[in-house]
Amino acid sequence: MDLQKEELKADIDGTEIFLNGYVAEHKTYYYETENEQEAHYLVSVLNSDIVDDLIKGMQSRGLWGPRDIHKKVLELPIPKFNLRNPIHGELSGMAKICKAKAEKILPSLTERYTSIGHIRNKVKNELAVEMDRISELVLKMFSEQSPKGILEY
């Protein structure tokens, strides 16, 4: 697979600085893979309603409700990507479908709305069918991963 890396640069007080890599701030997490299917699998799992529901009670609260997942998501039974696992493959495919749909509708949404929250809600509504399927798959995967079932988390 040929992954093109974008040249990164920053302008600080009029000085152009070329960046060699990526710096993740304390609320930003970074995972690098050369396997696009693995990346889509993780996007599906991490954006599923199941993961959101499971970490909700552990999140800090802000003015608009729960926020900041930090490392709590890593305590969940997320299995390493396995191309031979049909659930993993379908999760990867669902993320790819969601990405394509979101890319198609985002330009018109950003022309009409300025609120990122409003745009996120519109995208979420457009992806409702796909996200429901992702949640079904993640719940099944977690249930198979944990002999006592996902409710212990």
N, C-alpha and C. Protein backbone atom coordinates (compact mmCIF):
# COMPACT_ATOMS: atom_id res chain seq x y z
N MET A 1 0.85 -1.17 0.00
CA MET A 1 0.00 0.00 0.00
C MET A 1 0.89 1.23 0.00
N ASP A 2 0.55 2.19 -0.81
CA ASP A 2 1.33 3.41 -0.91
C ASP A 2 0.62 4.52 -0.15
N LEU A 3 1.12 4.83 1.03
CA LEU A 3 0.54 5.91 1.83
C LEU A 3 1.38 7.17 1.64
N GLN A 4 0.75 8.21 1.12
CA GLN A 4 1.46 9.47 0.94
C GLN A 4 1.38 10.26 2.23
N LYS A 5 2.50 10.76 2.67
CA LYS A 5 2.52 11.57 3.88
C LYS A 5 2.55 13.03 3.49
N GLU A 6 1.64 13.77 4.04
CA GLU A 6 1.53 15.19 3.76
C GLU A 6 2.67 15.94 4.47
N GLU A 7 3.27 16.89 3.77
CA GLU A 7 4.31 17.71 4.39
C GLU A 7 3.67 18.63 5.42
N LEU A 8 4.16 18.57 6.65
CA LEU A 8 3.59 19.38 7.72
C LEU A 8 4.48 20.58 7.99
N LYS A 9 3.84 21.73 8.14
CA LYS A 9 4.59 22.92 8.51
C LYS A 9 3.70 23.83 9.34
N ALA A 10 4.34 24.64 10.15
CA ALA A 10 3.62 25.56 11.02
C ALA A 10 4.21 26.95 10.84
N ASP A 11 3.38 27.96 11.02
CA ASP A 11 3.83 29.34 10.94
C ASP A 11 3.75 29.91 12.36
N ILE A 12 4.91 30.19 12.92
CA ILE A 12 4.96 30.73 14.28
C ILE A 12 5.62 32.10 14.22
N ASP A 13 4.82 33.12 14.51
CA ASP A 13 5.30 34.51 14.48
C ASP A 13 6.01 34.85 13.17
N GLY A 14 5.44 34.40 12.05
CA GLY A 14 5.99 34.72 10.74
C GLY A 14 7.12 33.82 10.28
N THR A 15 7.51 32.85 11.10
CA THR A 15 8.56 31.92 10.72
C THR A 15 7.94 30.58 10.36
N GLU A 16 8.26 30.09 9.17
CA GLU A 16 7.73 28.81 8.72
C GLU A 16 8.62 27.70 9.26
N ILE A 17 8.01 26.76 9.98
CA ILE A 17 8.76 25.65 10.57
C ILE A 17 8.24 24.35 9.97
N PHE A 18 9.14 23.54 9.42
CA PHE A 18 8.75 22.25 8.88
C PHE A 18 8.76 21.22 10.00
N LEU A 19 7.69 20.44 10.07
CA LEU A 19 7.52 19.48 11.16
C LEU A 19 7.87 18.08 10.68
N ASN A 20 8.52 17.34 11.53
CA ASN A 20 8.90 15.96 11.22
C ASN A 20 8.11 15.02 12.10
N GLY A 21 6.87 14.79 11.79
CA GLY A 21 6.07 13.87 12.58
C GLY A 21 4.84 14.53 13.16
N TYR A 22 4.35 13.93 14.18
CA TYR A 22 3.08 14.33 14.77
C TYR A 22 3.24 14.36 16.28
N VAL A 23 2.78 15.41 16.92
CA VAL A 23 2.83 15.51 18.36
C VAL A 23 1.40 15.43 18.88
N ALA A 24 1.14 14.45 19.72
CA ALA A 24 -0.19 14.30 20.31
C ALA A 24 -0.22 14.99 21.65
N GLU A 25 -1.14 15.90 21.82
CA GLU A 25 -1.32 16.62 23.07
C GLU A 25 -1.99 15.67 24.07
N HIS A 26 -2.11 16.06 25.32
CA HIS A 26 -2.58 15.13 26.36
C HIS A 26 -4.01 14.64 26.14
N LYS A 27 -4.82 15.32 25.35
CA LYS A 27 -6.18 14.85 25.07
C LYS A 27 -6.31 14.28 23.67
N THR A 28 -5.20 14.08 23.00
CA THR A 28 -5.19 13.55 21.65
C THR A 28 -4.43 12.24 21.65
N TYR A 29 -5.02 11.23 21.04
CA TYR A 29 -4.35 9.94 20.96
C TYR A 29 -4.11 9.60 19.51
N TYR A 30 -3.03 8.91 19.28
CA TYR A 30 -2.57 8.67 17.93
C TYR A 30 -2.21 7.21 17.78
N TYR A 31 -2.66 6.62 16.70
CA TYR A 31 -2.34 5.24 16.39
C TYR A 31 -1.97 5.18 14.91
N GLU A 32 -0.86 4.59 14.62
CA GLU A 32 -0.41 4.53 13.24
C GLU A 32 -0.43 3.08 12.76
N THR A 33 -1.00 2.87 11.59
CA THR A 33 -1.03 1.56 10.97
C THR A 33 -0.88 1.72 9.47
N GLU A 34 -0.31 0.73 8.85
CA GLU A 34 -0.23 0.73 7.39
C GLU A 34 -1.35 -0.10 6.79
N ASN A 35 -2.25 -0.59 7.64
CA ASN A 35 -3.36 -1.42 7.19
C ASN A 35 -4.64 -0.58 7.25
N GLU A 36 -5.12 -0.17 6.10
CA GLU A 36 -6.31 0.69 6.04
C GLU A 36 -7.54 -0.01 6.65
N GLN A 37 -7.65 -1.31 6.46
CA GLN A 37 -8.78 -2.04 7.03
C GLN A 37 -8.75 -2.01 8.56
N GLU A 38 -7.56 -2.12 9.13
CA GLU A 38 -7.42 -2.03 10.58
C GLU A 38 -7.83 -0.65 11.08
N ALA A 39 -7.41 0.39 10.37
CA ALA A 39 -7.76 1.75 10.75
C ALA A 39 -9.28 1.94 10.73
N HIS A 40 -9.94 1.44 9.68
CA HIS A 40 -11.40 1.56 9.60
C HIS A 40 -12.08 0.74 10.71
N TYR A 41 -11.55 -0.43 11.01
CA TYR A 41 -12.08 -1.25 12.11
C TYR A 41 -12.07 -0.45 13.41
N LEU A 42 -10.93 0.15 13.73
CA LEU A 42 -10.82 0.91 14.99
C LEU A 42 -11.73 2.13 14.99
N VAL A 43 -11.87 2.78 13.86
CA VAL A 43 -12.78 3.93 13.77
C VAL A 43 -14.22 3.48 14.07
N SER A 44 -14.63 2.34 13.51
CA SER A 44 -15.97 1.81 13.79
C SER A 44 -16.17 1.55 15.27
N VAL A 45 -15.23 0.83 15.85
CA VAL A 45 -15.36 0.45 17.26
C VAL A 45 -15.38 1.68 18.15
N LEU A 46 -14.41 2.57 17.97
CA LEU A 46 -14.28 3.72 18.86
C LEU A 46 -15.43 4.73 18.72
N ASN A 47 -16.09 4.74 17.57
CA ASN A 47 -17.21 5.65 17.37
C ASN A 47 -18.57 5.00 17.59
N SER A 48 -18.57 3.76 18.03
CA SER A 48 -19.84 3.05 18.23
C SER A 48 -20.57 3.58 19.47
N ASP A 49 -21.90 3.47 19.43
CA ASP A 49 -22.71 3.84 20.59
C ASP A 49 -22.41 2.94 21.78
N ILE A 50 -22.01 1.70 21.52
CA ILE A 50 -21.70 0.75 22.60
C ILE A 50 -20.52 1.27 23.42
N VAL A 51 -19.44 1.65 22.75
CA VAL A 51 -18.27 2.18 23.46
C VAL A 51 -18.66 3.47 24.18
N ASP A 52 -19.41 4.33 23.52
CA ASP A 52 -19.85 5.58 24.14
C ASP A 52 -20.65 5.31 25.41
N ASP A 53 -21.58 4.37 25.35
CA ASP A 53 -22.41 4.04 26.52
C ASP A 53 -21.57 3.44 27.66
N LEU A 54 -20.60 2.60 27.30
CA LEU A 54 -19.79 1.93 28.32
C LEU A 54 -18.87 2.89 29.07
N ILE A 55 -18.40 3.92 28.42
CA ILE A 55 -17.48 4.84 29.10
C ILE A 55 -18.18 6.07 29.68
N LYS A 56 -19.44 6.26 29.35
CA LYS A 56 -20.18 7.46 29.75
C LYS A 56 -20.07 7.75 31.26
N GLY A 57 -20.24 6.74 32.09
CA GLY A 57 -20.20 6.93 33.54
C GLY A 57 -18.81 7.24 34.08
N MET A 58 -17.77 7.01 33.28
CA MET A 58 -16.40 7.24 33.73
C MET A 58 -15.85 8.58 33.24
N GLN A 59 -16.61 9.29 32.43
CA GLN A 59 -16.12 10.53 31.83
C GLN A 59 -16.28 11.71 32.77
N SER A 60 -15.38 12.69 32.62
CA SER A 60 -15.55 13.95 33.33
C SER A 60 -16.75 14.67 32.72
N ARG A 61 -17.28 15.63 33.45
CA ARG A 61 -18.46 16.34 32.97
C ARG A 61 -18.10 17.81 32.74
N GLY A 62 -18.64 18.33 31.65
CA GLY A 62 -18.45 19.74 31.33
C GLY A 62 -19.79 20.43 31.24
N LEU A 63 -19.79 21.62 30.75
CA LEU A 63 -21.00 22.42 30.64
C LEU A 63 -22.07 21.72 29.81
N TRP A 64 -21.66 20.98 28.76
CA TRP A 64 -22.62 20.31 27.88
C TRP A 64 -22.67 18.80 28.08
N GLY A 65 -22.28 18.33 29.25
CA GLY A 65 -22.37 16.90 29.56
C GLY A 65 -21.02 16.20 29.55
N PRO A 66 -21.06 14.85 29.43
CA PRO A 66 -19.83 14.06 29.50
C PRO A 66 -18.85 14.41 28.38
N ARG A 67 -17.56 14.38 28.71
CA ARG A 67 -16.51 14.64 27.74
C ARG A 67 -15.23 13.95 28.21
N ASP A 68 -14.19 14.03 27.42
CA ASP A 68 -12.87 13.51 27.76
C ASP A 68 -12.88 12.01 28.08
N ILE A 69 -12.61 11.22 27.06
CA ILE A 69 -12.58 9.76 27.29
C ILE A 69 -11.22 9.29 27.82
N HIS A 70 -10.19 10.08 27.61
CA HIS A 70 -8.83 9.72 27.99
C HIS A 70 -8.57 8.25 27.72
N LYS A 71 -8.01 7.52 28.67
CA LYS A 71 -7.62 6.14 28.41
C LYS A 71 -8.70 5.13 28.82
N LYS A 72 -9.83 5.58 29.29
CA LYS A 72 -10.88 4.66 29.73
C LYS A 72 -11.30 3.70 28.62
N VAL A 73 -11.30 4.17 27.41
CA VAL A 73 -11.70 3.33 26.28
C VAL A 73 -10.75 2.13 26.13
N LEU A 74 -9.51 2.29 26.56
CA LEU A 74 -8.54 1.20 26.45
C LEU A 74 -8.79 0.07 27.46
N GLU A 75 -9.66 0.31 28.42
CA GLU A 75 -10.02 -0.72 29.39
C GLU A 75 -11.09 -1.67 28.84
N LEU A 76 -11.66 -1.34 27.72
CA LEU A 76 -12.70 -2.17 27.11
C LEU A 76 -12.06 -3.35 26.36
N PRO A 77 -12.82 -4.41 26.16
CA PRO A 77 -12.26 -5.62 25.53
C PRO A 77 -12.20 -5.52 24.00
N ILE A 78 -11.47 -4.53 23.51
CA ILE A 78 -11.36 -4.34 22.06
C ILE A 78 -10.27 -5.28 21.55
N PRO A 79 -10.66 -6.29 20.77
CA PRO A 79 -9.65 -7.22 20.27
C PRO A 79 -8.80 -6.62 19.17
N LYS A 80 -7.57 -7.11 19.07
CA LYS A 80 -6.67 -6.71 18.00
C LYS A 80 -7.32 -7.09 16.68
N PHE A 81 -7.14 -6.25 15.67
CA PHE A 81 -7.75 -6.49 14.36
C PHE A 81 -7.27 -7.82 13.78
N ASN A 82 -8.23 -8.58 13.28
CA ASN A 82 -7.94 -9.87 12.65
C ASN A 82 -8.73 -9.93 11.36
N LEU A 83 -8.04 -9.87 10.25
CA LEU A 83 -8.68 -9.87 8.94
C LEU A 83 -9.54 -11.10 8.71
N ARG A 84 -9.21 -12.20 9.37
CA ARG A 84 -9.98 -13.44 9.20
C ARG A 84 -11.28 -13.45 10.01
N ASN A 85 -11.43 -12.49 10.90
CA ASN A 85 -12.64 -12.41 11.71
C ASN A 85 -13.71 -11.65 10.91
N PRO A 86 -14.84 -12.32 10.59
CA PRO A 86 -15.85 -11.64 9.77
C PRO A 86 -16.45 -10.39 10.41
N ILE A 87 -16.53 -10.36 11.73
CA ILE A 87 -17.05 -9.16 12.40
C ILE A 87 -16.08 -7.99 12.19
N HIS A 88 -14.79 -8.26 12.33
CA HIS A 88 -13.79 -7.21 12.13
C HIS A 88 -13.86 -6.69 10.70
N GLY A 89 -13.99 -7.60 9.76
CA GLY A 89 -14.08 -7.20 8.35
C GLY A 89 -15.30 -6.36 8.07
N GLU A 90 -16.43 -6.75 8.64
CA GLU A 90 -17.65 -5.97 8.41
C GLU A 90 -17.56 -4.60 9.09
N LEU A 91 -16.99 -4.54 10.29
CA LEU A 91 -16.80 -3.25 10.96
C LEU A 91 -15.93 -2.33 10.12
N SER A 92 -14.88 -2.88 9.55
CA SER A 92 -14.00 -2.10 8.68
C SER A 92 -14.77 -1.57 7.47
N GLY A 93 -15.55 -2.43 6.86
CA GLY A 93 -16.35 -2.03 5.70
C GLY A 93 -17.39 -0.98 6.04
N MET A 94 -18.00 -1.09 7.22
CA MET A 94 -19.00 -0.11 7.63
C MET A 94 -18.37 1.27 7.84
N ALA A 95 -17.17 1.31 8.38
CA ALA A 95 -16.50 2.60 8.56
C ALA A 95 -16.18 3.23 7.22
N LYS A 96 -15.81 2.40 6.27
CA LYS A 96 -15.50 2.91 4.94
C LYS A 96 -16.76 3.51 4.29
N ILE A 97 -17.89 2.85 4.47
CA ILE A 97 -19.17 3.36 3.95
C ILE A 97 -19.51 4.69 4.63
N CYS A 98 -19.36 4.74 5.96
CA CYS A 98 -19.65 5.97 6.70
C CYS A 98 -18.76 7.11 6.25
N LYS A 99 -17.50 6.83 6.04
CA LYS A 99 -16.56 7.85 5.59
C LYS A 99 -16.99 8.42 4.24
N ALA A 100 -17.35 7.55 3.32
CA ALA A 100 -17.77 7.99 1.99
C ALA A 100 -19.04 8.84 2.07
N LYS A 101 -20.01 8.41 2.87
CA LYS A 101 -21.25 9.18 3.01
C LYS A 101 -20.99 10.54 3.64
N ALA A 102 -20.15 10.56 4.68
CA ALA A 102 -19.85 11.82 5.37
C ALA A 102 -19.12 12.78 4.43
N GLU A 103 -18.16 12.26 3.67
CA GLU A 103 -17.43 13.12 2.72
C GLU A 103 -18.36 13.71 1.68
N LYS A 104 -19.39 12.97 1.33
CA LYS A 104 -20.33 13.44 0.31
C LYS A 104 -21.23 14.57 0.83
N ILE A 105 -21.65 14.48 2.10
CA ILE A 105 -22.59 15.47 2.62
C ILE A 105 -21.94 16.64 3.34
N LEU A 106 -20.69 16.49 3.77
CA LEU A 106 -20.05 17.56 4.54
C LEU A 106 -19.94 18.89 3.81
N PRO A 107 -19.57 18.92 2.54
CA PRO A 107 -19.46 20.24 1.89
C PRO A 107 -20.74 21.07 1.96
N SER A 108 -21.88 20.45 1.72
CA SER A 108 -23.13 21.22 1.77
C SER A 108 -23.48 21.63 3.20
N LEU A 109 -23.13 20.79 4.16
CA LEU A 109 -23.42 21.13 5.56
C LEU A 109 -22.57 22.29 6.04
N THR A 110 -21.30 22.29 5.67
CA THR A 110 -20.42 23.37 6.13
C THR A 110 -20.74 24.69 5.44
N GLU A 111 -21.40 24.63 4.29
CA GLU A 111 -21.85 25.87 3.64
C GLU A 111 -23.07 26.44 4.35
N ARG A 112 -23.92 25.56 4.89
CA ARG A 112 -25.17 26.01 5.51
C ARG A 112 -25.07 26.28 7.01
N TYR A 113 -24.17 25.58 7.71
CA TYR A 113 -24.12 25.68 9.18
C TYR A 113 -22.71 26.06 9.63
N THR A 114 -22.64 26.82 10.72
CA THR A 114 -21.33 27.18 11.28
C THR A 114 -21.04 26.43 12.57
N SER A 115 -22.04 25.90 13.20
CA SER A 115 -21.87 25.20 14.47
C SER A 115 -21.39 23.76 14.22
N ILE A 116 -20.23 23.42 14.78
CA ILE A 116 -19.71 22.06 14.63
C ILE A 116 -20.66 21.04 15.26
N GLY A 117 -21.30 21.42 16.35
CA GLY A 117 -22.26 20.52 17.00
C GLY A 117 -23.45 20.22 16.10
N HIS A 118 -23.93 21.24 15.41
CA HIS A 118 -25.06 21.06 14.50
C HIS A 118 -24.65 20.18 13.32
N ILE A 119 -23.46 20.42 12.79
CA ILE A 119 -22.97 19.61 11.67
C ILE A 119 -22.80 18.16 12.10
N ARG A 120 -22.24 17.94 13.28
CA ARG A 120 -22.06 16.57 13.79
C ARG A 120 -23.40 15.85 13.92
N ASN A 121 -24.41 16.56 14.43
CA ASN A 121 -25.74 15.95 14.57
C ASN A 121 -26.34 15.59 13.22
N LYS A 122 -26.17 16.46 12.24
CA LYS A 122 -26.69 16.18 10.89
C LYS A 122 -26.00 14.95 10.30
N VAL A 123 -24.68 14.87 10.44
CA VAL A 123 -23.94 13.71 9.92
C VAL A 123 -24.39 12.45 10.66
N LYS A 124 -24.52 12.55 11.96
CA LYS A 124 -24.95 11.39 12.77
C LYS A 124 -26.32 10.89 12.31
N ASN A 125 -27.23 11.81 12.03
CA ASN A 125 -28.56 11.41 11.54
C ASN A 125 -28.47 10.71 10.19
N GLU A 126 -27.61 11.21 9.32
CA GLU A 126 -27.44 10.60 7.99
C GLU A 126 -26.84 9.20 8.08
N LEU A 127 -26.07 8.94 9.11
CA LEU A 127 -25.38 7.64 9.26
C LEU A 127 -26.08 6.72 10.26
N ALA A 128 -27.31 7.03 10.63
CA ALA A 128 -28.00 6.28 11.67
C ALA A 128 -28.10 4.78 11.38
N VAL A 129 -28.44 4.40 10.17
CA VAL A 129 -28.58 2.98 9.82
C VAL A 129 -27.24 2.26 9.96
N GLU A 130 -26.20 2.88 9.42
CA GLU A 130 -24.86 2.29 9.49
C GLU A 130 -24.37 2.20 10.94
N MET A 131 -24.61 3.26 11.71
CA MET A 131 -24.16 3.27 13.11
C MET A 131 -24.91 2.23 13.95
N ASP A 132 -26.18 2.00 13.64
CA ASP A 132 -26.92 0.94 14.34
C ASP A 132 -26.29 -0.42 14.06
N ARG A 133 -25.92 -0.66 12.82
CA ARG A 133 -25.27 -1.93 12.46
C ARG A 133 -23.91 -2.05 13.15
N ILE A 134 -23.16 -0.97 13.18
CA ILE A 134 -21.86 -0.99 13.87
C ILE A 134 -22.06 -1.34 15.34
N SER A 135 -23.05 -0.75 15.98
CA SER A 135 -23.31 -1.04 17.39
C SER A 135 -23.67 -2.52 17.60
N GLU A 136 -24.47 -3.07 16.71
CA GLU A 136 -24.81 -4.50 16.79
C GLU A 136 -23.54 -5.36 16.72
N LEU A 137 -22.68 -5.03 15.78
CA LEU A 137 -21.45 -5.80 15.58
C LEU A 137 -20.50 -5.65 16.77
N VAL A 138 -20.35 -4.45 17.29
CA VAL A 138 -19.46 -4.23 18.43
C VAL A 138 -19.98 -4.96 19.66
N LEU A 139 -21.28 -4.91 19.89
CA LEU A 139 -21.86 -5.62 21.03
C LEU A 139 -21.61 -7.12 20.90
N LYS A 140 -21.82 -7.66 19.71
CA LYS A 140 -21.57 -9.08 19.48
C LYS A 140 -20.09 -9.42 19.70
N MET A 141 -19.21 -8.60 19.18
CA MET A 141 -17.78 -8.83 19.33
C MET A 141 -17.37 -8.78 20.80
N PHE A 142 -17.83 -7.78 21.54
CA PHE A 142 -17.50 -7.68 22.96
C PHE A 142 -18.06 -8.86 23.75
N SER A 143 -19.28 -9.27 23.41
CA SER A 143 -19.91 -10.40 24.11
C SER A 143 -19.12 -11.68 23.89
N GLU A 144 -18.61 -11.87 22.67
CA GLU A 144 -17.80 -13.05 22.38
C GLU A 144 -16.45 -12.97 23.09
N GLN A 145 -15.93 -11.77 23.26
CA GLN A 145 -14.63 -11.55 23.87
C GLN A 145 -14.66 -11.80 25.37
N SER A 146 -15.77 -11.47 26.01
CA SER A 146 -15.89 -11.57 27.46
C SER A 146 -16.88 -12.68 27.82
N PRO A 147 -16.41 -13.75 28.48
CA PRO A 147 -17.29 -14.88 28.78
C PRO A 147 -18.50 -14.51 29.65
N LYS A 148 -18.37 -13.52 30.51
CA LYS A 148 -19.49 -13.12 31.37
C LYS A 148 -20.41 -12.13 30.69
N GLY A 149 -19.99 -11.66 29.51
CA GLY A 149 -20.82 -10.69 28.80
C GLY A 149 -20.33 -9.28 29.04
N ILE A 150 -20.74 -8.40 28.22
CA ILE A 150 -20.27 -7.03 28.25
C ILE A 150 -20.81 -6.25 29.45
N LEU A 151 -21.88 -6.71 30.07
CA LEU A 151 -22.48 -5.98 31.16
C LEU A 151 -21.59 -5.86 32.38
N GLU A 152 -20.53 -6.68 32.46
CA GLU A 152 -19.62 -6.57 33.61
C GLU A 152 -18.79 -5.29 33.53
N TYR A 153 -18.75 -4.64 32.41
CA TYR A 153 -17.94 -3.43 32.26
C TYR A 153 -18.70 -2.25 32.66
